[in-house]
Protein backbone atom coordinates (compact mmCIF):
# COMPACT_ATOMS: atom_id res chain seq x y z
CA MET A 1 -33.09 3.94 -49.87
CA MET A 2 -30.51 4.75 -47.54
CA GLN A 3 -29.14 8.48 -48.05
CA SER A 4 -25.84 9.57 -48.54
CA THR A 5 -25.39 10.64 -45.00
CA ASP A 6 -26.58 7.59 -43.76
CA ILE A 7 -24.27 5.64 -45.92
CA GLN A 8 -21.35 7.92 -44.66
CA GLU A 9 -22.70 7.03 -40.99
CA LEU A 10 -22.68 3.26 -41.62
CA LEU A 11 -19.31 3.19 -43.05
CA ALA A 12 -17.88 5.32 -40.44
CA GLY A 13 -19.50 3.11 -37.73
CA LYS A 14 -17.78 0.35 -39.20
CA LEU A 15 -14.45 1.96 -39.99
CA ILE A 16 -14.33 2.94 -36.10
CA ALA A 17 -15.58 -0.57 -34.88
CA ARG A 18 -12.77 -2.41 -37.40
CA PHE A 19 -10.27 0.47 -36.93
CA PRO A 20 -10.11 2.06 -33.68
CA LYS A 21 -6.97 3.63 -33.58
CA ASP A 22 -7.76 5.03 -37.20
CA GLY A 23 -11.11 5.94 -36.52
CA ALA A 24 -9.52 7.90 -33.49
CA ALA A 25 -7.71 9.92 -35.66
CA ILE A 26 -10.48 10.96 -37.61
CA LEU A 27 -12.61 11.59 -34.05
CA ASN A 28 -10.07 14.11 -33.13
CA THR A 29 -11.22 17.07 -35.09
CA ALA A 30 -15.10 15.80 -34.38
CA SER A 31 -17.02 17.69 -31.68
CA SER A 32 -16.84 15.80 -28.86
CA SER A 33 -21.17 15.53 -29.12
CA ASP A 34 -20.40 13.99 -32.51
CA ILE A 35 -17.91 11.49 -30.66
CA ILE A 36 -19.76 10.47 -28.04
CA ALA A 37 -22.82 9.38 -30.66
CA LYS A 38 -20.27 7.23 -32.42
CA LEU A 39 -19.22 5.55 -29.34
CA GLN A 40 -22.59 4.61 -27.88
CA ASN A 41 -23.37 1.92 -30.19
CA LEU A 42 -20.00 0.18 -30.07
CA ASP A 43 -18.63 -2.97 -27.77
CA PRO A 44 -17.00 -1.39 -24.58
CA LEU A 45 -13.50 -2.71 -25.84
CA ILE A 46 -13.43 -0.75 -28.92
CA ILE A 47 -14.51 2.38 -26.99
CA LYS A 48 -11.69 2.20 -24.90
CA GLU A 49 -9.01 1.93 -27.84
CA VAL A 50 -10.64 5.20 -29.52
CA LEU A 51 -10.47 6.65 -25.92
CA LEU A 52 -6.76 5.81 -25.69
CA SER A 53 -6.04 7.11 -28.79
CA LEU A 54 -7.91 10.80 -28.91
CA THR A 55 -5.84 13.27 -27.53
CA PRO A 56 -5.74 14.24 -23.75
CA ASP A 57 -7.93 17.45 -24.49
CA VAL A 58 -10.53 15.76 -26.69
CA ILE A 59 -10.84 13.06 -24.08
CA ALA A 60 -11.44 15.60 -21.24
CA GLU A 61 -14.24 16.96 -23.28
CA VAL A 62 -15.80 13.80 -24.44
CA ILE A 63 -15.86 12.73 -20.79
CA LYS A 64 -16.95 15.92 -19.41
CA GLU A 65 -20.12 15.62 -21.75
CA MET A 66 -20.85 12.05 -21.48
CA SER A 67 -24.37 11.32 -19.89
CA ASP A 68 -24.07 9.55 -16.44
CA GLU A 69 -25.39 7.02 -18.05
CA LEU A 70 -22.94 6.06 -20.58
CA PHE A 71 -19.87 7.09 -18.11
CA THR A 72 -21.29 4.22 -15.86
CA GLU A 73 -21.70 1.53 -18.80
CA ILE A 74 -18.32 2.22 -20.44
CA PHE A 75 -16.31 2.43 -16.93
CA SER A 76 -17.78 -0.37 -15.22
CA GLU A 77 -16.25 -2.48 -18.21
CA LEU A 78 -12.35 -1.00 -18.17
CA ASP A 79 -9.60 -1.97 -16.64
CA ALA A 80 -8.64 0.83 -13.55
CA TYR A 81 -5.49 1.37 -14.58
CA SER A 82 -7.02 2.40 -18.41
CA SER A 83 -10.26 4.05 -16.43
CA ALA A 84 -7.37 6.27 -14.19
CA ARG A 85 -5.37 7.12 -17.29
CA LEU A 86 -8.95 8.61 -19.27
CA ILE A 87 -10.27 9.99 -15.84
CA SER A 88 -7.00 11.89 -14.76
CA ARG A 89 -7.52 14.18 -17.80
CA VAL A 90 -10.73 16.22 -16.56
CA LYS A 91 -10.74 18.67 -13.22
CA PRO A 92 -10.32 17.43 -10.21
CA SER A 93 -13.51 18.29 -8.72
CA LEU A 94 -15.29 16.76 -11.85
CA VAL A 95 -13.01 13.29 -11.18
CA VAL A 96 -14.97 13.01 -7.61
CA ALA A 97 -18.39 13.10 -9.21
CA LYS A 98 -17.76 10.61 -12.19
CA LEU A 99 -16.25 8.41 -9.84
CA ASP A 100 -19.24 8.33 -7.65
CA LEU A 101 -20.88 6.81 -10.44
CA LEU A 102 -18.97 3.49 -10.25
CA PRO A 103 -18.90 0.78 -7.83
CA ALA A 104 -17.33 1.13 -4.54
CA ARG A 105 -14.54 -1.29 -5.02
CA LYS A 106 -13.71 -0.11 -8.99
CA SER A 107 -13.62 3.75 -7.70
CA LYS A 108 -11.65 2.59 -5.11
CA ALA A 109 -9.11 0.86 -7.38
CA ILE A 110 -8.95 3.84 -9.71
CA THR A 111 -8.55 6.49 -7.28
CA ASP A 112 -5.29 4.38 -5.67
CA LEU A 113 -3.82 4.60 -9.26
CA LEU A 114 -4.26 8.58 -9.38
CA ALA A 115 -3.32 9.15 -5.65
CA TYR A 116 0.91 9.60 -5.92
CA PRO A 117 3.22 9.95 -3.49
CA ALA A 118 3.39 13.62 -2.08
CA ASP A 119 7.37 13.35 -3.59
CA SER A 120 6.82 12.16 -6.57
CA ALA A 121 6.52 13.77 -10.42
CA GLY A 122 3.27 12.55 -10.74
CA TYR A 123 2.20 14.24 -7.98
CA ILE A 124 2.72 17.62 -9.15
CA MET A 125 1.91 17.48 -13.11
CA ASP A 126 -0.92 18.93 -14.83
CA THR A 127 -2.69 16.18 -16.76
CA GLN A 128 -5.09 18.98 -18.19
CA ILE A 129 -2.35 19.06 -21.85
CA LEU A 130 -2.51 19.34 -25.45
CA THR A 131 -0.63 16.68 -27.68
CA PHE A 132 -0.41 16.32 -31.53
CA LEU A 133 -0.44 13.91 -33.50
CA PRO A 134 2.72 13.78 -35.95
CA ASN A 135 0.87 14.61 -39.09
CA SER A 136 -0.83 17.16 -37.69
CA THR A 137 0.27 20.53 -39.25
CA ALA A 138 1.76 24.05 -37.94
CA GLY A 139 -1.72 25.70 -39.52
CA ASP A 140 -4.08 22.92 -37.34
CA VAL A 141 -1.78 23.44 -34.23
CA LEU A 142 -1.98 27.25 -33.96
CA GLU A 143 -5.79 26.94 -34.95
CA LYS A 144 -6.16 24.56 -31.90
CA LEU A 145 -4.46 27.03 -29.80
CA ARG A 146 -6.56 29.93 -31.05
CA GLN A 147 -9.42 27.89 -30.15
CA ILE A 148 -8.38 27.16 -26.36
CA GLY A 149 -6.56 30.40 -26.15
CA ASP A 150 -4.07 28.76 -23.06
CA ARG A 151 -1.17 31.24 -22.87
CA ARG A 152 0.67 28.52 -20.73
CA VAL A 153 1.41 26.48 -23.69
CA PHE A 154 5.41 27.36 -24.98
CA THR A 155 6.11 23.82 -26.13
CA VAL A 156 4.33 21.61 -28.83
CA TYR A 157 4.33 17.71 -27.56
CA VAL A 158 4.29 15.24 -29.99
CA ALA A 159 2.61 11.76 -29.25
CA ASP A 160 2.05 8.66 -31.84
CA ILE A 161 -1.88 7.73 -31.83
CA ASP A 162 -0.94 5.42 -28.63
CA GLY A 163 -0.25 8.37 -26.66
CA LYS A 164 3.67 7.34 -26.61
CA LEU A 165 5.71 10.47 -26.15
CA LEU A 166 7.69 11.22 -29.94
CA GLY A 167 9.41 14.61 -28.85
CA SER A 168 8.61 18.38 -28.90
CA SER A 169 8.36 21.44 -30.76
CA SER A 170 9.13 25.14 -29.51
CA LEU A 171 5.71 27.16 -30.75
CA GLN A 172 8.13 29.75 -31.96
CA ALA A 173 9.04 26.84 -34.39
CA VAL A 174 5.50 26.47 -35.12
CA ALA A 175 4.00 29.78 -35.32
CA ILE A 176 7.02 30.78 -38.01
CA SER A 177 6.59 27.49 -39.67
CA GLU A 178 4.20 27.23 -43.16
CA PRO A 179 0.88 26.57 -42.30
CA LYS A 180 0.85 22.83 -44.28
CA THR A 181 4.24 22.12 -42.58
CA LYS A 182 4.25 18.54 -40.71
CA LEU A 183 4.76 18.53 -37.28
CA SER A 184 7.21 15.16 -37.72
CA THR A 185 9.47 17.90 -39.31
CA LEU A 186 9.64 19.71 -36.36
CA THR A 187 9.91 17.45 -33.57
CA LYS A 188 13.09 16.55 -31.65
CA PRO A 189 13.91 14.78 -28.81
CA CYS A 190 13.21 15.91 -25.27
CA PRO A 191 13.66 14.96 -22.03
CA SER A 192 11.01 13.53 -20.02
CA VAL A 193 10.62 12.06 -16.55
CA HIS A 194 8.50 8.93 -15.14
CA LEU A 195 6.04 9.65 -12.99
CA MET A 196 6.92 7.90 -10.11
CA SER A 197 10.80 9.75 -10.29
CA PRO A 198 11.52 11.71 -6.93
CA GLN A 199 10.96 15.53 -7.03
CA ASP A 200 14.88 15.55 -6.56
CA GLU A 201 15.44 14.32 -10.03
CA VAL A 202 12.93 16.86 -11.39
CA VAL A 203 14.63 20.21 -10.44
CA GLU A 204 18.01 18.51 -11.36
CA LEU A 205 16.95 17.99 -15.01
CA PHE A 206 15.78 21.53 -15.07
CA GLN A 207 18.89 22.97 -13.42
CA GLN A 208 20.51 21.25 -16.38
CA GLY A 209 19.08 23.01 -19.46
CA LYS A 210 16.47 25.30 -20.56
CA ILE A 211 13.31 23.54 -19.77
CA ILE A 212 10.34 25.42 -19.91
CA SER A 213 8.19 22.39 -18.94
CA LEU A 214 8.53 18.68 -18.89
CA PRO A 215 6.82 16.01 -19.62
CA VAL A 216 5.42 13.03 -17.04
CA VAL A 217 5.12 9.67 -18.83
CA ASP A 218 5.06 5.96 -17.76
CA LEU A 219 6.72 2.90 -18.20
CA ASP A 220 5.75 2.76 -21.59
CA GLU A 221 6.83 6.38 -22.79
CA LYS A 222 2.94 7.72 -22.77
CA ILE A 223 2.40 10.95 -21.75
CA LEU A 224 0.42 11.33 -18.98
CA GLY A 225 0.98 15.25 -18.07
CA ILE A 226 3.49 17.93 -17.71
CA ILE A 227 5.29 20.25 -15.28
CA ARG A 228 4.65 23.13 -16.17
CA ASN A 229 7.28 26.35 -15.71
CA ASP A 230 5.70 27.77 -12.86
CA THR A 231 5.70 24.57 -10.94
CA LEU A 232 9.86 23.73 -11.86
CA ILE A 233 10.45 27.46 -10.67
CA SER A 234 8.81 27.16 -7.23
CA LEU A 235 10.17 23.75 -6.71
CA SER A 236 13.59 24.80 -7.41
CA GLN A 237 13.26 27.15 -4.94
CA LYS A 238 11.80 25.23 -2.36
CA ASP A 239 15.11 22.78 -3.22
CA ALA A 240 17.28 25.39 -2.48
CA THR A 241 15.86 26.92 0.64
CA GLU A 242 15.86 23.01 2.29
CA ASP A 243 19.59 22.67 1.62
CA VAL A 244 20.17 26.09 3.24
CA LEU A 245 17.91 24.83 6.50
CA ALA A 246 19.91 21.58 6.65
CA MET A 247 23.15 23.69 6.38
CA PHE A 248 21.75 25.10 9.47
CA GLY A 249 20.05 22.32 11.23
CA ALA A 250 16.65 22.76 10.24
CA GLY A 251 16.52 20.05 7.96
CA ARG A 252 13.90 19.35 5.41
CA GLU A 253 10.91 16.56 6.29
CA GLU A 254 13.45 13.51 7.33
CA ARG A 255 13.52 10.08 5.86
CA ALA A 256 16.51 8.57 6.55
CA LEU A 257 17.65 10.58 9.35
CA SER A 258 14.06 10.98 10.91
CA LYS A 259 13.62 11.35 14.87
CA ALA A 260 14.60 8.18 16.42
CA SER A 261 11.63 8.32 18.45
CA PHE A 262 9.43 8.64 14.92
CA ALA A 263 11.39 5.75 13.66
CA ILE A 264 10.89 3.78 17.05
CA GLY A 265 7.12 4.25 16.86
CA LYS A 266 7.53 2.65 13.01
CA ARG A 267 9.69 -0.12 13.50
CA LEU A 268 9.33 -1.73 17.20
CA PRO A 269 5.56 -2.53 16.59
CA TRP A 270 6.50 -5.11 13.38
CA LEU A 271 9.21 -6.33 15.98
CA GLN A 272 7.40 -7.13 18.27
CA ILE A 273 5.39 -8.97 15.86
CA ASN A 274 8.00 -10.51 14.00
CA LEU A 275 9.08 -11.84 18.26
CA VAL A 276 5.99 -13.60 17.79
CA THR A 277 6.10 -15.22 14.13
CA ALA A 278 9.63 -16.39 15.31
CA PHE A 279 8.44 -18.38 18.24
CA LEU A 280 5.29 -19.37 15.86
CA ALA A 281 8.56 -20.97 13.43
CA ALA A 282 10.08 -22.26 16.69
CA SER A 283 6.94 -24.05 17.26
CA ILE A 284 6.65 -26.01 14.38
CA VAL A 285 10.23 -27.09 14.78
CA ALA A 286 9.17 -28.31 18.44
CA ILE A 287 6.54 -30.30 16.72
CA PHE A 288 9.20 -32.60 14.94
CA GLU A 289 11.82 -32.67 17.91
CA ASP A 290 11.46 -36.55 18.02
CA THR A 291 12.42 -36.63 14.72
CA ILE A 292 15.42 -34.35 14.96
CA ALA A 293 16.36 -36.63 17.91
CA ARG A 294 16.13 -39.87 15.78
CA ILE A 295 17.58 -38.34 12.67
CA THR A 296 19.80 -35.39 13.92
CA VAL A 297 21.27 -34.87 10.32
CA LEU A 298 17.80 -32.99 9.80
CA ALA A 299 19.32 -30.04 12.01
CA VAL A 300 22.16 -29.48 9.32
CA PHE A 301 19.53 -29.21 6.69
CA LEU A 302 17.16 -26.87 8.22
CA PRO A 303 18.71 -23.45 7.32
CA VAL A 304 19.23 -24.91 3.59
CA VAL A 305 15.43 -25.24 3.21
CA ALA A 306 14.38 -22.26 4.87
CA GLY A 307 17.17 -20.23 3.29
CA GLN A 308 16.31 -20.84 -0.40
CA SER A 309 12.47 -20.50 0.40
CA GLY A 310 13.55 -17.21 1.57
CA ASN A 311 15.17 -16.18 -1.22
CA THR A 312 12.99 -17.37 -3.67
CA GLY A 313 9.80 -15.57 -1.48
CA SER A 314 12.28 -12.32 -1.31
CA GLN A 315 12.49 -12.10 -5.20
CA ALA A 316 8.75 -12.29 -5.75
CA LEU A 317 8.34 -9.42 -2.91
CA ALA A 318 10.93 -6.97 -4.74
CA VAL A 319 9.08 -7.52 -8.05
CA THR A 320 5.76 -7.40 -6.67
CA ILE A 321 6.70 -4.15 -4.55
CA ARG A 322 8.73 -2.25 -7.30
CA GLY A 323 5.44 -3.51 -9.23
CA LEU A 324 2.87 -1.44 -7.08
CA ALA A 325 5.64 1.31 -6.67
CA LEU A 326 5.43 2.12 -10.50
CA ARG A 327 2.19 1.43 -10.96
CA GLU A 328 2.88 -1.35 -12.92
CA ILE A 329 0.11 -3.27 -11.28
CA HIS A 330 -2.75 -2.82 -9.10
CA THR A 331 -4.54 -5.44 -6.72
CA GLY A 332 -6.60 -6.61 -9.25
CA HIS A 333 -3.54 -8.15 -10.80
CA TRP A 334 -2.86 -10.27 -8.05
CA TRP A 335 -3.79 -13.66 -9.59
CA LYS A 336 -2.01 -13.22 -12.69
CA VAL A 337 0.89 -11.69 -10.78
CA ALA A 338 0.47 -14.94 -8.49
CA LYS A 339 0.47 -17.76 -11.41
CA LYS A 340 3.89 -16.08 -12.89
CA GLU A 341 5.55 -16.41 -9.56
CA VAL A 342 4.11 -20.08 -8.48
CA ILE A 343 5.31 -21.32 -12.53
CA VAL A 344 8.88 -19.39 -11.50
CA GLY A 345 9.32 -20.95 -8.24
CA PHE A 346 8.49 -24.17 -9.89
CA VAL A 347 10.77 -24.38 -12.24
CA ASN A 348 13.74 -22.48 -10.00
CA GLY A 349 12.35 -25.34 -7.48
CA VAL A 350 12.75 -28.33 -9.40
CA ALA A 351 16.42 -26.80 -10.79
CA VAL A 352 17.35 -26.31 -7.41
CA ALA A 353 16.12 -29.52 -5.81
CA LEU A 354 17.95 -31.59 -8.16
CA THR A 355 21.21 -29.84 -7.01
CA THR A 356 20.55 -29.74 -3.20
CA GLY A 357 19.34 -33.56 -3.70
CA LEU A 358 22.68 -34.59 -5.09
CA ILE A 359 24.60 -32.94 -3.12
CA VAL A 360 22.85 -34.22 0.08
CA TYR A 361 22.96 -37.64 -1.27
CA PHE A 362 27.19 -37.65 -1.44
CA TRP A 363 27.38 -35.73 1.80
CA THR A 364 25.12 -38.35 3.99
CA SER A 365 25.10 -41.44 1.39
CA SER A 366 20.81 -41.53 2.04
CA TYR A 367 19.18 -41.43 -1.07
CA GLY A 368 16.40 -41.04 0.84
CA LEU A 369 17.02 -37.83 2.17
CA GLY A 370 17.81 -36.59 -0.75
CA VAL A 371 14.61 -37.29 -1.69
CA VAL A 372 12.91 -35.96 1.31
CA ILE A 373 15.28 -32.45 0.63
CA GLY A 374 14.23 -31.93 -2.86
CA THR A 375 10.50 -32.45 -2.40
CA SER A 376 10.41 -30.71 0.02
CA MET A 377 12.84 -27.82 -1.59
CA VAL A 378 10.16 -27.65 -4.94
CA PHE A 379 7.14 -27.50 -2.46
CA SER A 380 8.21 -24.66 -0.20
CA MET A 381 9.62 -22.69 -3.11
CA VAL A 382 6.55 -22.65 -5.12
CA ILE A 383 4.83 -21.80 -1.72
CA ALA A 384 7.05 -19.02 -0.85
CA GLY A 385 6.88 -17.47 -4.40
CA PHE A 386 3.17 -17.54 -4.38
CA SER A 387 3.36 -15.73 -0.63
CA GLY A 388 5.97 -13.34 -2.18
CA ALA A 389 3.12 -12.15 -4.83
CA VAL A 390 0.40 -11.99 -2.86
CA ILE A 391 1.21 -10.84 0.36
CA PRO A 392 2.11 -6.97 -0.42
CA ILE A 393 -0.90 -6.86 -2.44
CA LEU A 394 -3.24 -8.04 0.41
CA LEU A 395 -1.48 -5.64 2.38
CA LYS A 396 -1.72 -2.99 -0.23
CA SER A 397 -5.86 -3.65 -0.50
CA VAL A 398 -5.73 -3.32 3.55
CA GLY A 399 -4.41 0.12 3.71
CA GLN A 400 -0.55 -1.19 5.00
CA ASP A 401 2.45 -0.22 3.62
CA PRO A 402 3.82 -3.45 1.32
CA ALA A 403 7.10 -1.99 1.86
CA GLN A 404 7.53 -1.93 5.58
CA SER A 405 5.65 -5.22 6.46
CA SER A 406 5.61 -7.45 3.94
CA SER A 407 9.40 -8.79 4.42
CA ILE A 408 8.02 -9.97 8.27
CA VAL A 409 4.83 -11.72 7.35
CA LEU A 410 7.22 -13.43 4.30
CA THR A 411 9.72 -15.04 6.42
CA THR A 412 7.30 -16.24 8.77
CA VAL A 413 5.66 -18.00 5.93
CA THR A 414 8.70 -19.36 4.31
CA ASP A 415 10.23 -20.71 7.48
CA ILE A 416 6.53 -22.46 8.65
CA VAL A 417 6.57 -23.68 5.65
CA GLY A 418 9.90 -24.86 5.10
CA PHE A 419 10.56 -26.36 8.34
CA LEU A 420 6.92 -27.98 8.39
CA SER A 421 7.42 -30.14 4.59
CA PHE A 422 10.97 -31.02 5.37
CA LEU A 423 10.29 -32.24 8.79
CA GLY A 424 6.81 -33.27 8.29
CA LEU A 425 7.95 -35.43 4.57
CA ALA A 426 10.96 -36.81 6.83
CA THR A 427 8.86 -38.50 9.42
CA VAL A 428 5.99 -39.66 7.01
CA LEU A 429 8.68 -41.13 4.52
CA GLY A 430 11.65 -42.04 7.26
CA SER A 431 11.17 -45.45 7.63
CA ALA A 432 9.86 -46.29 3.96
CA LEU A 433 12.74 -44.00 2.35
CA GLY A 434 15.68 -46.11 4.44
CA ILE A 435 16.38 -42.70 6.51
CA VAL A 436 16.12 -43.75 9.83
């Protein structure tokens, strides 16, 4: 006969498996060893939901005490973004040790997501934070603060079960409230900053009002860390000092006003590469020199095809680079992003092809030429959309800066594909469609 404790354990396991977020709310009050024991026999996807729903301080303790075998088993199944969110809660020295347990490719993907630009809010945030659920009481908060003994806590941040920031309350307001007072009644909206926001924006927020600390959130408003008061003060002082230096010509670390020699060194190699690719595109046109000589009107419409495919590629490129910069996507998402851009390129290509075909028909009175340029337009815009998504991700994966070099590679691809499809179709189908 089963003991009552066994029945409770069984029911607890089933509750967590069916309702991982509700289970996490209960586990937040348990010891890390008890949490690990509950997670061991669950499906990795359930474990992911539970871990992501725990408060940051609990996550840190659970990962710290987790055995290497269990850590490897769980994190090998999680996606890189979720892994980065979870492992960012532990100390940097432990992060390195834990990542060494994972396959090299997975470890690199997580490391890339944890590596924020030096001038971003994410770079200076502290991920070792405390957050509380809105149904926590003032007594719960004070008890937790006594346990950890962190004297740096002046503001209590409140987040929902998914980690979305709801607001904050001053520690003073919590301390003078009745122990059973819910945090939801003490919570007020608070300013926050996106993790990829420039540090100048952080300084501006600090200078606008009495901010003791500033929460850092992702695109879904989930709190990832905080920028503490001492960091805000030093950052503000540094910004003021740099402004003074700039007034006297000493300057801050230059970007738009970088030295000409620095800019030349960065840009000239890519311009030389662009020159090579331009001649490559010109060689494609040269292949069809006889076709252009027989159908001279083709030369008039070459810029139309190349221009539309170039614009399509640039749109996909801009969205993808933005996604990479804001950590919305990583290299593992390449197929998902590329598939979306292929669909967008096809639908837009058909719409543009219909318009272009009609214009060409009325311009040249040639039905066949309208079909050729319309078909070419669809094909080249699909390839351009695919290239605009894949090129920056590919460059990112090999350590190149997508923002600097993607456009040159993309221009080459769109020009070659546009010229080749248009002139190739005209050559092959010219007689059949009565173009010649």
